């Protein structure tokens, strides 16, 4: 289950990217997250001030 709390979501997504997935696309595929759901996650994290940095494979 993906956390709904934005801060917990940030931690969860970055942990998964660090430990299990080499890209945001791989994470979405691996966790069966639709493109609409992933866009909602990206927006939620952007609202916290975090952007996905592909060169570091994390939200920073």
N, C-alpha and C. Protein backbone atom coordinates (compact mmCIF):
# COMPACT_ATOMS: atom_id res chain seq x y z
N UNK A 1 0.84 -1.18 0.00
CA UNK A 1 0.00 0.00 0.00
C UNK A 1 0.89 1.25 0.00
N UNK A 2 0.55 2.19 -0.83
CA UNK A 2 1.31 3.43 -0.94
C UNK A 2 0.76 4.43 0.07
N UNK A 3 1.64 5.03 0.88
CA UNK A 3 1.18 6.00 1.89
C UNK A 3 0.49 7.20 1.24
N UNK A 4 -0.50 7.73 1.93
CA UNK A 4 -1.21 8.91 1.44
C UNK A 4 -0.64 10.20 2.03
N UNK A 5 -0.08 10.11 3.23
CA UNK A 5 0.54 11.27 3.86
C UNK A 5 1.73 11.70 2.99
N UNK A 6 1.80 12.98 2.60
CA UNK A 6 2.85 13.42 1.67
C UNK A 6 4.28 13.15 2.16
N UNK A 7 4.56 13.36 3.44
CA UNK A 7 5.92 13.15 3.94
C UNK A 7 6.26 11.66 3.96
N UNK A 8 5.31 10.84 4.36
CA UNK A 8 5.53 9.39 4.33
C UNK A 8 5.67 8.90 2.89
N UNK A 9 4.90 9.49 1.99
CA UNK A 9 4.98 9.15 0.57
C UNK A 9 6.38 9.44 0.02
N UNK A 10 6.91 10.60 0.35
CA UNK A 10 8.26 10.97 -0.08
C UNK A 10 9.27 9.94 0.40
N UNK A 11 9.20 9.60 1.65
CA UNK A 11 10.13 8.61 2.22
C UNK A 11 9.97 7.25 1.54
N UNK A 12 8.74 6.82 1.36
CA UNK A 12 8.45 5.52 0.74
C UNK A 12 8.98 5.47 -0.70
N UNK A 13 8.66 6.49 -1.49
CA UNK A 13 9.07 6.51 -2.89
C UNK A 13 10.59 6.54 -3.01
N UNK A 14 11.25 7.41 -2.23
CA UNK A 14 12.72 7.49 -2.30
C UNK A 14 13.37 6.20 -1.83
N UNK A 15 12.80 5.53 -0.82
CA UNK A 15 13.35 4.26 -0.36
C UNK A 15 13.24 3.20 -1.47
N UNK A 16 12.07 3.14 -2.11
CA UNK A 16 11.88 2.17 -3.19
C UNK A 16 12.83 2.45 -4.35
N UNK A 17 13.00 3.73 -4.69
CA UNK A 17 13.91 4.09 -5.77
C UNK A 17 15.35 3.73 -5.40
N UNK A 18 15.74 3.96 -4.18
CA UNK A 18 17.10 3.67 -3.73
C UNK A 18 17.37 2.16 -3.68
N UNK A 19 16.40 1.41 -3.14
CA UNK A 19 16.64 0.00 -2.84
C UNK A 19 16.20 -0.98 -3.92
N UNK A 20 15.21 -0.61 -4.74
CA UNK A 20 14.62 -1.61 -5.63
C UNK A 20 14.49 -1.22 -7.10
N UNK A 21 14.39 0.06 -7.41
CA UNK A 21 14.08 0.45 -8.78
C UNK A 21 15.08 1.47 -9.31
N UNK A 22 15.48 1.30 -10.55
CA UNK A 22 16.47 2.16 -11.17
C UNK A 22 15.92 3.42 -11.81
N UNK A 23 14.60 3.56 -11.82
CA UNK A 23 14.00 4.76 -12.40
C UNK A 23 12.56 4.89 -11.90
N UNK A 24 12.00 6.05 -12.11
CA UNK A 24 10.61 6.29 -11.73
C UNK A 24 9.67 5.41 -12.56
N UNK A 25 10.01 5.22 -13.83
CA UNK A 25 9.18 4.36 -14.69
C UNK A 25 9.21 2.91 -14.20
N UNK A 26 10.40 2.43 -13.80
CA UNK A 26 10.51 1.07 -13.29
C UNK A 26 9.72 0.90 -12.00
N UNK A 27 9.75 1.92 -11.14
CA UNK A 27 8.97 1.89 -9.91
C UNK A 27 7.48 1.80 -10.22
N UNK A 28 7.01 2.63 -11.14
CA UNK A 28 5.59 2.62 -11.51
C UNK A 28 5.19 1.25 -12.04
N UNK A 29 6.01 0.68 -12.88
CA UNK A 29 5.71 -0.64 -13.44
C UNK A 29 5.74 -1.71 -12.35
N UNK A 30 6.76 -1.67 -11.52
CA UNK A 30 6.93 -2.67 -10.48
C UNK A 30 5.84 -2.65 -9.43
N UNK A 31 5.33 -1.47 -9.13
CA UNK A 31 4.27 -1.33 -8.12
C UNK A 31 2.89 -1.25 -8.76
N UNK A 32 2.83 -1.44 -10.08
CA UNK A 32 1.56 -1.39 -10.82
C UNK A 32 0.82 -0.08 -10.58
N UNK A 33 1.56 1.03 -10.74
CA UNK A 33 1.00 2.37 -10.58
C UNK A 33 0.70 2.91 -11.97
N UNK A 34 -0.54 3.31 -12.19
CA UNK A 34 -0.93 3.85 -13.50
C UNK A 34 -0.26 5.21 -13.72
N UNK A 35 -0.25 5.64 -14.96
CA UNK A 35 0.35 6.95 -15.27
C UNK A 35 -0.39 8.08 -14.57
N UNK A 36 -1.72 7.96 -14.44
CA UNK A 36 -2.49 8.99 -13.72
C UNK A 36 -2.14 9.01 -12.24
N UNK A 37 -1.99 7.82 -11.65
CA UNK A 37 -1.61 7.74 -10.24
C UNK A 37 -0.20 8.29 -10.02
N UNK A 38 0.71 7.98 -10.95
CA UNK A 38 2.08 8.48 -10.82
C UNK A 38 2.12 9.99 -10.95
N UNK A 39 1.32 10.52 -11.86
CA UNK A 39 1.26 11.98 -12.00
C UNK A 39 0.75 12.62 -10.72
N UNK A 40 -0.23 12.01 -10.07
CA UNK A 40 -0.76 12.52 -8.80
C UNK A 40 0.32 12.49 -7.72
N UNK A 41 1.14 11.43 -7.70
CA UNK A 41 2.23 11.32 -6.74
C UNK A 41 3.26 12.42 -7.00
N UNK A 42 3.64 12.60 -8.26
CA UNK A 42 4.62 13.63 -8.62
C UNK A 42 4.11 15.01 -8.22
N UNK A 43 2.85 15.28 -8.45
CA UNK A 43 2.27 16.58 -8.08
C UNK A 43 2.27 16.76 -6.57
N UNK A 44 1.89 15.71 -5.85
CA UNK A 44 1.86 15.78 -4.39
C UNK A 44 3.25 16.08 -3.84
N UNK A 45 4.27 15.44 -4.41
CA UNK A 45 5.64 15.67 -3.94
C UNK A 45 6.15 17.03 -4.40
N UNK A 46 5.73 17.48 -5.56
CA UNK A 46 6.10 18.82 -6.04
C UNK A 46 5.52 19.88 -5.11
N UNK A 47 4.30 19.65 -4.64
CA UNK A 47 3.68 20.59 -3.71
C UNK A 47 4.46 20.71 -2.40
N UNK A 48 5.21 19.66 -2.06
CA UNK A 48 6.09 19.70 -0.88
C UNK A 48 7.43 20.38 -1.18
N UNK A 49 7.67 20.63 -2.47
CA UNK A 49 8.92 21.27 -2.87
C UNK A 49 9.96 20.29 -3.40
N UNK A 50 9.53 19.08 -3.76
CA UNK A 50 10.46 18.05 -4.25
C UNK A 50 10.17 17.75 -5.72
N UNK A 51 11.25 17.60 -6.48
CA UNK A 51 11.17 17.24 -7.89
C UNK A 51 11.98 15.95 -8.09
N UNK A 52 11.55 15.13 -9.04
CA UNK A 52 12.31 13.92 -9.36
C UNK A 52 13.58 14.31 -10.09
N UNK A 53 14.70 13.83 -9.60
CA UNK A 53 16.01 14.07 -10.21
C UNK A 53 16.52 12.75 -10.78
N UNK A 54 16.33 12.54 -12.08
CA UNK A 54 16.71 11.25 -12.67
C UNK A 54 18.20 10.94 -12.52
N UNK A 55 19.04 11.97 -12.51
CA UNK A 55 20.48 11.71 -12.38
C UNK A 55 20.84 11.13 -11.00
N UNK A 56 19.98 11.37 -10.01
CA UNK A 56 20.18 10.82 -8.66
C UNK A 56 19.15 9.74 -8.33
N UNK A 57 18.17 9.57 -9.21
CA UNK A 57 17.08 8.62 -9.03
C UNK A 57 16.38 8.79 -7.69
N UNK A 58 16.02 10.06 -7.41
CA UNK A 58 15.28 10.35 -6.18
C UNK A 58 14.58 11.69 -6.31
N UNK A 59 13.65 11.89 -5.40
CA UNK A 59 13.02 13.20 -5.26
C UNK A 59 13.85 14.00 -4.31
N UNK A 60 14.26 15.19 -4.74
CA UNK A 60 15.11 16.05 -3.90
C UNK A 60 14.65 17.48 -4.01
